[in-house]
Amino acid sequence: MSLLTEQYLDHLYLEYLHEQSTPTKWRQRVEVYILKGDKLIVGYKRKYQDKYMPAGGGVERGQTLETAAKMECLEELGIKIKNPVLITKETYKVDWHKMQQRGVKLTGKIPERMKEFRGSEIHFMKAEYDGIDKKYYGRDNDAMKPVVITKKQLIKKIENQWDVSKFRVKIVRML
């Protein structure tokens, strides 16, 4: 598909969203890969089909990416981090309304968030491990079990998960 055709289709889609009174703003989100030596610490969620994923969540109004990264790591994994940095300026956009149009069943918090946001814009970050602080663990009900894993093992675990994981594999390879 040519760039001109792709831009025109995007324009038509934005017009459709506007006609349906669908929000066009993106929810800002961080995903954090925690480095511990030559390994990574990520979260494991058994209840979501054995998913391995970085700590992550929304960036609140007035919050920096770095502050959001620190809070999400504490809340989801009980892990303190230091020196969080953006891995790449490239972001990944998950368009919930397009996914729904394609027949993907959206669950959890997403249907409620669809009233305010078109989807998520994910900022991938990395940070260094700085200890454990269990008093924060599980504060946002998305608590995951922390897992220490090699890059190669993580790529093998995530490469067959849903769409965004293809982008996650690219990020892990960059680390």
N, C-alpha and C. Protein backbone atom coordinates (compact mmCIF):
# COMPACT_ATOMS: atom_id res chain seq x y z
N MET A 1 0.84 -1.17 0.00
CA MET A 1 0.00 0.00 0.00
C MET A 1 0.89 1.23 0.00
N SER A 2 0.55 2.20 -0.84
CA SER A 2 1.37 3.40 -0.92
C SER A 2 1.13 4.29 0.30
N LEU A 3 2.09 5.15 0.57
CA LEU A 3 2.00 6.07 1.71
C LEU A 3 0.79 6.98 1.55
N LEU A 4 0.53 7.43 0.32
CA LEU A 4 -0.60 8.32 0.06
C LEU A 4 -1.92 7.61 0.37
N THR A 5 -2.06 6.36 -0.05
CA THR A 5 -3.26 5.58 0.22
C THR A 5 -3.43 5.37 1.71
N GLU A 6 -2.34 5.06 2.40
CA GLU A 6 -2.37 4.83 3.85
C GLU A 6 -2.80 6.11 4.59
N GLN A 7 -2.27 7.26 4.16
CA GLN A 7 -2.64 8.53 4.78
C GLN A 7 -4.12 8.84 4.55
N TYR A 8 -4.61 8.55 3.34
CA TYR A 8 -6.01 8.80 3.02
C TYR A 8 -6.92 7.91 3.87
N LEU A 9 -6.55 6.64 4.04
CA LEU A 9 -7.34 5.73 4.87
C LEU A 9 -7.34 6.18 6.33
N ASP A 10 -6.20 6.65 6.82
CA ASP A 10 -6.13 7.19 8.18
C ASP A 10 -7.05 8.40 8.32
N HIS A 11 -7.08 9.26 7.29
CA HIS A 11 -7.94 10.44 7.31
C HIS A 11 -9.41 10.01 7.38
N LEU A 12 -9.80 9.03 6.56
CA LEU A 12 -11.18 8.54 6.58
C LEU A 12 -11.53 7.94 7.93
N TYR A 13 -10.60 7.21 8.52
CA TYR A 13 -10.83 6.60 9.82
C TYR A 13 -11.02 7.67 10.90
N LEU A 14 -10.20 8.71 10.87
CA LEU A 14 -10.37 9.80 11.84
C LEU A 14 -11.71 10.50 11.67
N GLU A 15 -12.16 10.68 10.42
CA GLU A 15 -13.49 11.25 10.17
C GLU A 15 -14.57 10.34 10.75
N TYR A 16 -14.43 9.03 10.57
CA TYR A 16 -15.38 8.06 11.11
C TYR A 16 -15.43 8.17 12.64
N LEU A 17 -14.26 8.22 13.29
CA LEU A 17 -14.22 8.35 14.75
C LEU A 17 -14.94 9.62 15.20
N HIS A 18 -14.71 10.70 14.49
CA HIS A 18 -15.35 11.97 14.83
C HIS A 18 -16.87 11.86 14.70
N GLU A 19 -17.35 11.26 13.60
CA GLU A 19 -18.79 11.09 13.38
C GLU A 19 -19.43 10.25 14.48
N GLN A 20 -18.69 9.28 15.00
CA GLN A 20 -19.21 8.39 16.05
C GLN A 20 -19.01 8.98 17.44
N SER A 21 -18.50 10.22 17.51
CA SER A 21 -18.15 10.88 18.78
C SER A 21 -17.16 10.04 19.58
N THR A 22 -16.23 9.42 18.87
CA THR A 22 -15.20 8.61 19.49
C THR A 22 -14.01 9.49 19.81
N PRO A 23 -13.43 9.34 21.00
CA PRO A 23 -12.26 10.16 21.34
C PRO A 23 -11.10 9.92 20.37
N THR A 24 -10.34 10.95 20.14
CA THR A 24 -9.18 10.81 19.25
C THR A 24 -7.86 10.97 20.00
N LYS A 25 -7.93 11.28 21.31
CA LYS A 25 -6.67 11.43 22.06
C LYS A 25 -6.19 10.06 22.54
N TRP A 26 -4.87 9.98 22.71
CA TRP A 26 -4.23 8.73 23.10
C TRP A 26 -3.92 8.73 24.59
N ARG A 27 -4.11 7.58 25.26
CA ARG A 27 -3.71 7.42 26.65
C ARG A 27 -2.21 7.16 26.67
N GLN A 28 -1.46 7.98 27.38
CA GLN A 28 -0.02 7.81 27.46
C GLN A 28 0.30 6.70 28.46
N ARG A 29 1.18 5.81 28.09
CA ARG A 29 1.49 4.63 28.90
C ARG A 29 3.00 4.35 28.83
N VAL A 30 3.55 3.80 29.93
CA VAL A 30 4.95 3.38 29.93
C VAL A 30 5.01 1.87 30.12
N GLU A 31 6.05 1.27 29.57
CA GLU A 31 6.39 -0.12 29.84
C GLU A 31 7.88 -0.12 30.17
N VAL A 32 8.23 -0.78 31.30
CA VAL A 32 9.59 -0.67 31.81
C VAL A 32 10.27 -2.03 31.88
N TYR A 33 11.42 -2.13 31.22
CA TYR A 33 12.27 -3.31 31.30
C TYR A 33 13.34 -3.03 32.35
N ILE A 34 13.38 -3.85 33.39
CA ILE A 34 14.29 -3.63 34.49
C ILE A 34 15.53 -4.49 34.28
N LEU A 35 16.69 -3.83 34.25
CA LEU A 35 17.96 -4.53 34.04
C LEU A 35 18.56 -4.91 35.39
N LYS A 36 18.94 -6.17 35.51
CA LYS A 36 19.63 -6.66 36.71
C LYS A 36 20.80 -7.49 36.21
N GLY A 37 21.97 -6.85 36.15
CA GLY A 37 23.13 -7.52 35.57
C GLY A 37 22.87 -7.75 34.09
N ASP A 38 23.09 -8.98 33.63
CA ASP A 38 22.85 -9.30 32.21
C ASP A 38 21.46 -9.89 31.98
N LYS A 39 20.58 -9.78 32.99
CA LYS A 39 19.22 -10.32 32.88
C LYS A 39 18.20 -9.20 33.03
N LEU A 40 16.94 -9.55 32.82
CA LEU A 40 15.84 -8.61 32.94
C LEU A 40 14.89 -9.08 34.03
N ILE A 41 14.19 -8.14 34.64
CA ILE A 41 13.10 -8.48 35.55
C ILE A 41 11.83 -8.00 34.88
N VAL A 42 10.91 -8.93 34.67
CA VAL A 42 9.61 -8.61 34.09
C VAL A 42 8.54 -9.25 34.97
N GLY A 43 7.30 -8.97 34.64
CA GLY A 43 6.20 -9.56 35.39
C GLY A 43 5.64 -10.77 34.69
N TYR A 44 5.07 -11.67 35.48
CA TYR A 44 4.43 -12.87 34.96
C TYR A 44 3.00 -12.88 35.47
N LYS A 45 2.04 -13.04 34.55
CA LYS A 45 0.62 -13.10 34.91
C LYS A 45 0.05 -14.41 34.44
N ARG A 46 -0.20 -15.30 35.35
CA ARG A 46 -0.77 -16.59 34.98
C ARG A 46 -2.22 -16.46 34.52
N LYS A 47 -2.98 -15.60 35.19
CA LYS A 47 -4.41 -15.51 34.87
C LYS A 47 -4.67 -14.95 33.47
N TYR A 48 -3.68 -14.31 32.87
CA TYR A 48 -3.82 -13.81 31.50
C TYR A 48 -3.03 -14.68 30.54
N GLN A 49 -3.32 -15.97 30.53
CA GLN A 49 -2.72 -16.93 29.59
C GLN A 49 -1.20 -16.95 29.66
N ASP A 50 -0.67 -17.01 30.88
CA ASP A 50 0.78 -17.11 31.07
C ASP A 50 1.55 -16.02 30.33
N LYS A 51 1.20 -14.78 30.59
CA LYS A 51 1.87 -13.65 29.92
C LYS A 51 3.09 -13.18 30.69
N TYR A 52 4.15 -12.92 29.97
CA TYR A 52 5.35 -12.29 30.50
C TYR A 52 5.36 -10.88 29.92
N MET A 53 5.43 -9.89 30.79
CA MET A 53 5.40 -8.53 30.29
C MET A 53 6.09 -7.57 31.25
N PRO A 54 6.53 -6.44 30.72
CA PRO A 54 7.17 -5.46 31.59
C PRO A 54 6.14 -4.79 32.50
N ALA A 55 6.61 -4.23 33.60
CA ALA A 55 5.73 -3.40 34.43
C ALA A 55 5.31 -2.21 33.58
N GLY A 56 4.11 -1.76 33.77
CA GLY A 56 3.68 -0.62 32.98
C GLY A 56 2.30 -0.14 33.36
N GLY A 57 2.00 1.05 32.88
CA GLY A 57 0.69 1.64 33.14
C GLY A 57 0.62 3.06 32.64
N GLY A 58 -0.49 3.69 32.95
CA GLY A 58 -0.75 5.03 32.46
C GLY A 58 0.11 6.10 33.10
N VAL A 59 0.36 7.12 32.31
CA VAL A 59 1.07 8.31 32.78
C VAL A 59 -0.02 9.31 33.15
N GLU A 60 -0.08 9.64 34.44
CA GLU A 60 -1.10 10.57 34.92
C GLU A 60 -0.78 12.00 34.49
N ARG A 61 -1.81 12.84 34.46
CA ARG A 61 -1.64 14.25 34.09
C ARG A 61 -0.58 14.90 34.98
N GLY A 62 0.39 15.57 34.38
CA GLY A 62 1.44 16.26 35.10
C GLY A 62 2.60 15.37 35.52
N GLN A 63 2.51 14.08 35.24
CA GLN A 63 3.55 13.13 35.64
C GLN A 63 4.55 12.96 34.50
N THR A 64 5.83 12.82 34.82
CA THR A 64 6.83 12.55 33.78
C THR A 64 6.84 11.05 33.49
N LEU A 65 7.43 10.69 32.36
CA LEU A 65 7.58 9.26 32.03
C LEU A 65 8.41 8.56 33.10
N GLU A 66 9.46 9.25 33.59
CA GLU A 66 10.34 8.66 34.59
C GLU A 66 9.60 8.37 35.91
N THR A 67 8.79 9.32 36.34
CA THR A 67 8.01 9.15 37.57
C THR A 67 6.99 8.03 37.41
N ALA A 68 6.33 7.99 36.27
CA ALA A 68 5.35 6.92 36.00
C ALA A 68 6.04 5.56 36.00
N ALA A 69 7.22 5.48 35.41
CA ALA A 69 7.97 4.22 35.36
C ALA A 69 8.29 3.73 36.77
N LYS A 70 8.76 4.63 37.62
CA LYS A 70 9.10 4.24 39.00
C LYS A 70 7.87 3.76 39.75
N MET A 71 6.75 4.45 39.60
CA MET A 71 5.54 4.08 40.33
C MET A 71 4.98 2.73 39.84
N GLU A 72 4.97 2.51 38.54
CA GLU A 72 4.44 1.25 38.00
C GLU A 72 5.28 0.06 38.45
N CYS A 73 6.60 0.21 38.47
CA CYS A 73 7.46 -0.89 38.92
C CYS A 73 7.21 -1.22 40.39
N LEU A 74 7.00 -0.19 41.20
CA LEU A 74 6.69 -0.41 42.62
C LEU A 74 5.33 -1.09 42.79
N GLU A 75 4.31 -0.55 42.12
CA GLU A 75 2.95 -1.06 42.29
C GLU A 75 2.77 -2.47 41.75
N GLU A 76 3.36 -2.75 40.61
CA GLU A 76 3.11 -4.04 39.97
C GLU A 76 4.08 -5.13 40.39
N LEU A 77 5.32 -4.75 40.69
CA LEU A 77 6.33 -5.77 41.00
C LEU A 77 6.95 -5.61 42.39
N GLY A 78 6.69 -4.49 43.06
CA GLY A 78 7.32 -4.24 44.35
C GLY A 78 8.81 -3.97 44.21
N ILE A 79 9.21 -3.46 43.05
CA ILE A 79 10.63 -3.24 42.76
C ILE A 79 10.93 -1.76 42.58
N LYS A 80 11.99 -1.32 43.27
CA LYS A 80 12.48 0.04 43.11
C LYS A 80 13.46 0.05 41.93
N ILE A 81 13.39 1.10 41.15
CA ILE A 81 14.30 1.24 40.00
C ILE A 81 15.04 2.57 40.10
N LYS A 82 16.12 2.66 39.35
CA LYS A 82 16.86 3.92 39.23
C LYS A 82 17.23 4.12 37.77
N ASN A 83 17.48 5.36 37.43
CA ASN A 83 17.91 5.76 36.09
C ASN A 83 16.98 5.30 34.96
N PRO A 84 15.66 5.52 35.08
CA PRO A 84 14.78 5.14 33.97
C PRO A 84 15.00 6.04 32.77
N VAL A 85 15.13 5.44 31.60
CA VAL A 85 15.32 6.21 30.37
C VAL A 85 14.45 5.61 29.26
N LEU A 86 14.06 6.47 28.35
CA LEU A 86 13.31 6.04 27.18
C LEU A 86 14.24 5.26 26.27
N ILE A 87 13.84 4.08 25.85
CA ILE A 87 14.69 3.24 24.99
C ILE A 87 14.74 3.81 23.58
N THR A 88 13.60 4.21 23.09
CA THR A 88 13.52 4.72 21.73
C THR A 88 12.42 5.76 21.67
N LYS A 89 12.55 6.71 20.78
CA LYS A 89 11.50 7.72 20.63
C LYS A 89 10.30 7.13 19.90
N GLU A 90 10.52 6.00 19.27
CA GLU A 90 9.45 5.33 18.56
C GLU A 90 8.45 4.78 19.58
N THR A 91 7.19 5.05 19.38
CA THR A 91 6.17 4.53 20.28
C THR A 91 5.30 3.54 19.51
N TYR A 92 4.52 2.81 20.25
CA TYR A 92 3.62 1.84 19.66
C TYR A 92 2.21 2.25 20.04
N LYS A 93 1.37 2.44 19.06
CA LYS A 93 -0.01 2.84 19.33
C LYS A 93 -0.94 1.64 19.18
N VAL A 94 -1.74 1.42 20.21
CA VAL A 94 -2.74 0.36 20.20
C VAL A 94 -4.09 1.04 20.07
N ASP A 95 -4.71 0.94 18.90
CA ASP A 95 -5.99 1.59 18.63
C ASP A 95 -7.13 0.65 19.01
N TRP A 96 -7.71 0.89 20.19
CA TRP A 96 -8.74 -0.01 20.72
C TRP A 96 -9.97 -0.07 19.81
N HIS A 97 -10.34 1.06 19.22
CA HIS A 97 -11.54 1.09 18.38
C HIS A 97 -11.33 0.28 17.10
N LYS A 98 -10.13 0.35 16.53
CA LYS A 98 -9.83 -0.46 15.34
C LYS A 98 -9.83 -1.94 15.70
N MET A 99 -9.25 -2.25 16.88
CA MET A 99 -9.22 -3.65 17.32
C MET A 99 -10.64 -4.19 17.47
N GLN A 100 -11.51 -3.39 18.04
CA GLN A 100 -12.89 -3.80 18.24
C GLN A 100 -13.59 -4.01 16.90
N GLN A 101 -13.31 -3.12 15.94
CA GLN A 101 -13.88 -3.26 14.59
C GLN A 101 -13.45 -4.57 13.94
N ARG A 102 -12.21 -5.03 14.26
CA ARG A 102 -11.70 -6.28 13.69
C ARG A 102 -12.22 -7.50 14.43
N GLY A 103 -13.05 -7.29 15.47
CA GLY A 103 -13.64 -8.42 16.18
C GLY A 103 -12.89 -8.86 17.42
N VAL A 104 -11.87 -8.11 17.85
CA VAL A 104 -11.12 -8.45 19.05
C VAL A 104 -11.97 -8.07 20.27
N LYS A 105 -12.16 -9.02 21.17
CA LYS A 105 -12.95 -8.75 22.38
C LYS A 105 -12.05 -8.06 23.40
N LEU A 106 -12.44 -6.86 23.78
CA LEU A 106 -11.66 -6.07 24.72
C LEU A 106 -12.24 -6.22 26.12
N THR A 107 -11.38 -6.50 27.09
CA THR A 107 -11.84 -6.77 28.44
C THR A 107 -11.10 -5.90 29.45
N GLY A 108 -11.36 -6.13 30.71
CA GLY A 108 -10.69 -5.40 31.77
C GLY A 108 -11.10 -3.94 31.79
N LYS A 109 -10.13 -3.07 31.94
CA LYS A 109 -10.38 -1.63 32.06
C LYS A 109 -10.58 -0.95 30.71
N ILE A 110 -10.27 -1.64 29.63
CA ILE A 110 -10.26 -0.99 28.31
C ILE A 110 -11.62 -0.46 27.88
N PRO A 111 -12.72 -1.23 27.97
CA PRO A 111 -14.01 -0.66 27.52
C PRO A 111 -14.37 0.66 28.20
N GLU A 112 -14.08 0.80 29.48
CA GLU A 112 -14.35 2.06 30.18
C GLU A 112 -13.44 3.17 29.67
N ARG A 113 -12.17 2.84 29.43
CA ARG A 113 -11.22 3.85 28.95
C ARG A 113 -11.52 4.29 27.52
N MET A 114 -12.22 3.45 26.76
CA MET A 114 -12.56 3.79 25.37
C MET A 114 -13.47 5.01 25.29
N LYS A 115 -14.14 5.35 26.39
CA LYS A 115 -15.00 6.53 26.40
C LYS A 115 -14.17 7.81 26.37
N GLU A 116 -12.93 7.74 26.84
CA GLU A 116 -12.08 8.92 26.92
C GLU A 116 -10.92 8.90 25.92
N PHE A 117 -10.46 7.69 25.55
CA PHE A 117 -9.27 7.57 24.72
C PHE A 117 -9.52 6.70 23.48
N ARG A 118 -8.81 7.02 22.42
CA ARG A 118 -8.82 6.21 21.20
C ARG A 118 -8.05 4.91 21.42
N GLY A 119 -7.00 5.00 22.23
CA GLY A 119 -6.15 3.84 22.48
C GLY A 119 -4.96 4.25 23.32
N SER A 120 -3.95 3.40 23.36
CA SER A 120 -2.74 3.67 24.14
C SER A 120 -1.57 3.99 23.23
N GLU A 121 -0.76 4.93 23.68
CA GLU A 121 0.53 5.20 23.05
C GLU A 121 1.57 4.76 24.07
N ILE A 122 2.32 3.71 23.73
CA ILE A 122 3.24 3.10 24.68
C ILE A 122 4.65 3.64 24.49
N HIS A 123 5.25 4.08 25.62
CA HIS A 123 6.63 4.55 25.65
C HIS A 123 7.45 3.46 26.34
N PHE A 124 8.38 2.85 25.62
CA PHE A 124 9.19 1.77 26.15
C PHE A 124 10.42 2.34 26.85
N MET A 125 10.64 1.86 28.09
CA MET A 125 11.73 2.39 28.90
C MET A 125 12.57 1.25 29.47
N LYS A 126 13.77 1.60 29.90
CA LYS A 126 14.60 0.65 30.64
C LYS A 126 15.08 1.35 31.89
N ALA A 127 15.37 0.57 32.92
CA ALA A 127 15.84 1.12 34.19
C ALA A 127 16.69 0.07 34.89
N GLU A 128 17.44 0.52 35.88
CA GLU A 128 18.29 -0.40 36.65
C GLU A 128 17.55 -0.82 37.92
N TYR A 129 17.74 -2.07 38.30
CA TYR A 129 17.18 -2.61 39.54
C TYR A 129 17.81 -1.88 40.72
N ASP A 130 16.96 -1.51 41.71
CA ASP A 130 17.47 -0.79 42.88
C ASP A 130 16.90 -1.34 44.19
N GLY A 131 16.39 -2.57 44.17
CA GLY A 131 15.90 -3.17 45.40
C GLY A 131 14.42 -3.49 45.38
N ILE A 132 13.96 -4.02 46.50
CA ILE A 132 12.56 -4.44 46.65
C ILE A 132 11.89 -3.60 47.73
N ASP A 133 10.64 -3.25 47.49
CA ASP A 133 9.84 -2.51 48.47
C ASP A 133 8.43 -3.09 48.43
N LYS A 134 8.18 -4.11 49.22
CA LYS A 134 6.92 -4.86 49.15
C LYS A 134 5.70 -4.08 49.63
N LYS A 135 5.89 -2.95 50.32
CA LYS A 135 4.72 -2.22 50.82
C LYS A 135 3.87 -1.64 49.69
N TYR A 136 4.45 -1.44 48.52
CA TYR A 136 3.69 -0.91 47.38
C TYR A 136 3.11 -2.01 46.50
N TYR A 137 3.65 -3.20 46.59
CA TYR A 137 3.28 -4.29 45.68
C TYR A 137 1.78 -4.54 45.69
N GLY A 138 1.19 -4.53 44.51
CA GLY A 138 -0.23 -4.85 44.37
C GLY A 138 -1.19 -3.70 44.60
N ARG A 139 -0.69 -2.50 44.74
CA ARG A 139 -1.58 -1.36 45.01
C ARG A 139 -2.57 -1.08 43.89
N ASP A 140 -2.23 -1.45 42.67
CA ASP A 140 -3.15 -1.13 41.56
C ASP A 140 -3.89 -2.35 41.03
N ASN A 141 -3.87 -3.44 41.76
CA ASN A 141 -4.58 -4.68 41.39
C ASN A 141 -4.07 -5.32 40.11
N ASP A 142 -2.97 -4.87 39.58
CA ASP A 142 -2.35 -5.49 38.41
C ASP A 142 -1.07 -6.21 38.80
N ALA A 143 -0.94 -6.54 40.07
CA ALA A 143 0.31 -7.12 40.56
C ALA A 143 0.67 -8.38 39.77
N MET A 144 1.93 -8.45 39.43
CA MET A 144 2.46 -9.60 38.72
C MET A 144 3.58 -10.20 39.55
N LYS A 145 3.87 -11.43 39.32
CA LYS A 145 5.00 -12.06 39.99
C LYS A 145 6.28 -11.62 39.26
N PRO A 146 7.26 -11.05 39.98
CA PRO A 146 8.51 -10.67 39.32
C PRO A 146 9.30 -11.92 38.90
N VAL A 147 9.84 -11.90 37.70
CA VAL A 147 10.60 -13.01 37.17
C VAL A 147 11.92 -12.47 36.62
N VAL A 148 13.04 -13.10 36.99
CA VAL A 148 14.35 -12.74 36.44
C VAL A 148 14.58 -13.68 35.26
N ILE A 149 14.89 -13.11 34.10
CA ILE A 149 14.94 -13.90 32.87
C ILE A 149 15.99 -13.32 31.92
N THR A 150 16.55 -14.15 31.08
CA THR A 150 17.50 -13.65 30.07
C THR A 150 16.72 -13.06 28.91
N LYS A 151 17.38 -12.24 28.11
CA LYS A 151 16.73 -11.66 26.93
C LYS A 151 16.23 -12.75 25.99
N LYS A 152 17.08 -13.75 25.78
CA LYS A 152 16.73 -14.84 24.86
C LYS A 152 15.49 -15.60 25.34
N GLN A 153 15.44 -15.89 26.64
CA GLN A 153 14.27 -16.58 27.20
C GLN A 153 13.01 -15.73 27.07
N LEU A 154 13.14 -14.42 27.34
CA LEU A 154 11.98 -13.54 27.26
C LEU A 154 11.46 -13.45 25.83
N ILE A 155 12.35 -13.32 24.87
CA ILE A 155 11.92 -13.26 23.47
C ILE A 155 11.14 -14.51 23.11
N LYS A 156 11.63 -15.66 23.53
CA LYS A 156 10.94 -16.92 23.23
C LYS A 156 9.54 -16.95 23.86
N LYS A 157 9.40 -16.40 25.06
CA LYS A 157 8.11 -16.40 25.77
C LYS A 157 7.11 -15.44 25.15
N ILE A 158 7.58 -14.30 24.64
CA ILE A 158 6.65 -13.27 24.18
C ILE A 158 6.42 -13.21 22.67
N GLU A 159 7.24 -13.86 21.88
CA GLU A 159 7.13 -13.64 20.44
C GLU A 159 5.82 -14.13 19.83
N ASN A 160 5.08 -14.99 20.51
CA ASN A 160 3.81 -15.47 19.97
C ASN A 160 2.59 -14.90 20.67
N GLN A 161 2.80 -13.87 21.49
CA GLN A 161 1.66 -13.21 22.14
C GLN A 161 1.05 -12.21 21.16
N TRP A 162 0.07 -11.46 21.61
CA TRP A 162 -0.67 -10.55 20.71
C TRP A 162 0.21 -9.47 20.09
N ASP A 163 -0.37 -8.71 19.19
CA ASP A 163 0.33 -7.76 18.31
C ASP A 163 1.48 -6.97 18.94
N VAL A 164 1.23 -6.33 20.08
CA VAL A 164 2.26 -5.45 20.65
C VAL A 164 3.52 -6.24 20.98
N SER A 165 3.42 -7.55 21.16
CA SER A 165 4.60 -8.33 21.52
C SER A 165 5.63 -8.38 20.40
N LYS A 166 5.20 -8.26 19.17
CA LYS A 166 6.16 -8.19 18.06
C LYS A 166 7.05 -6.95 18.25
N PHE A 167 6.45 -5.87 18.70
CA PHE A 167 7.21 -4.66 18.98
C PHE A 167 8.06 -4.86 20.22
N ARG A 168 7.53 -5.56 21.23
CA ARG A 168 8.30 -5.83 22.45
C ARG A 168 9.55 -6.64 22.14
N VAL A 169 9.45 -7.60 21.24
CA VAL A 169 10.61 -8.41 20.85
C VAL A 169 11.69 -7.49 20.28
N LYS A 170 11.28 -6.55 19.44
CA LYS A 170 12.22 -5.58 18.87
C LYS A 170 12.91 -4.78 19.98
N ILE A 171 12.14 -4.35 20.97
CA ILE A 171 12.70 -3.57 22.08
C ILE A 171 13.68 -4.40 22.89
N VAL A 172 13.31 -5.64 23.23
CA VAL A 172 14.19 -6.50 24.02
C VAL A 172 15.51 -6.72 23.29
N ARG A 173 15.46 -6.89 21.99
CA ARG A 173 16.70 -7.07 21.21
C ARG A 173 17.58 -5.83 21.27
N MET A 174 16.97 -4.65 21.45
CA MET A 174 17.73 -3.41 21.51
C MET A 174 18.47 -3.24 22.84
N LEU A 175 17.98 -3.89 23.89
CA LEU A 175 18.55 -3.70 25.23
C LEU A 175 19.98 -4.20 25.32
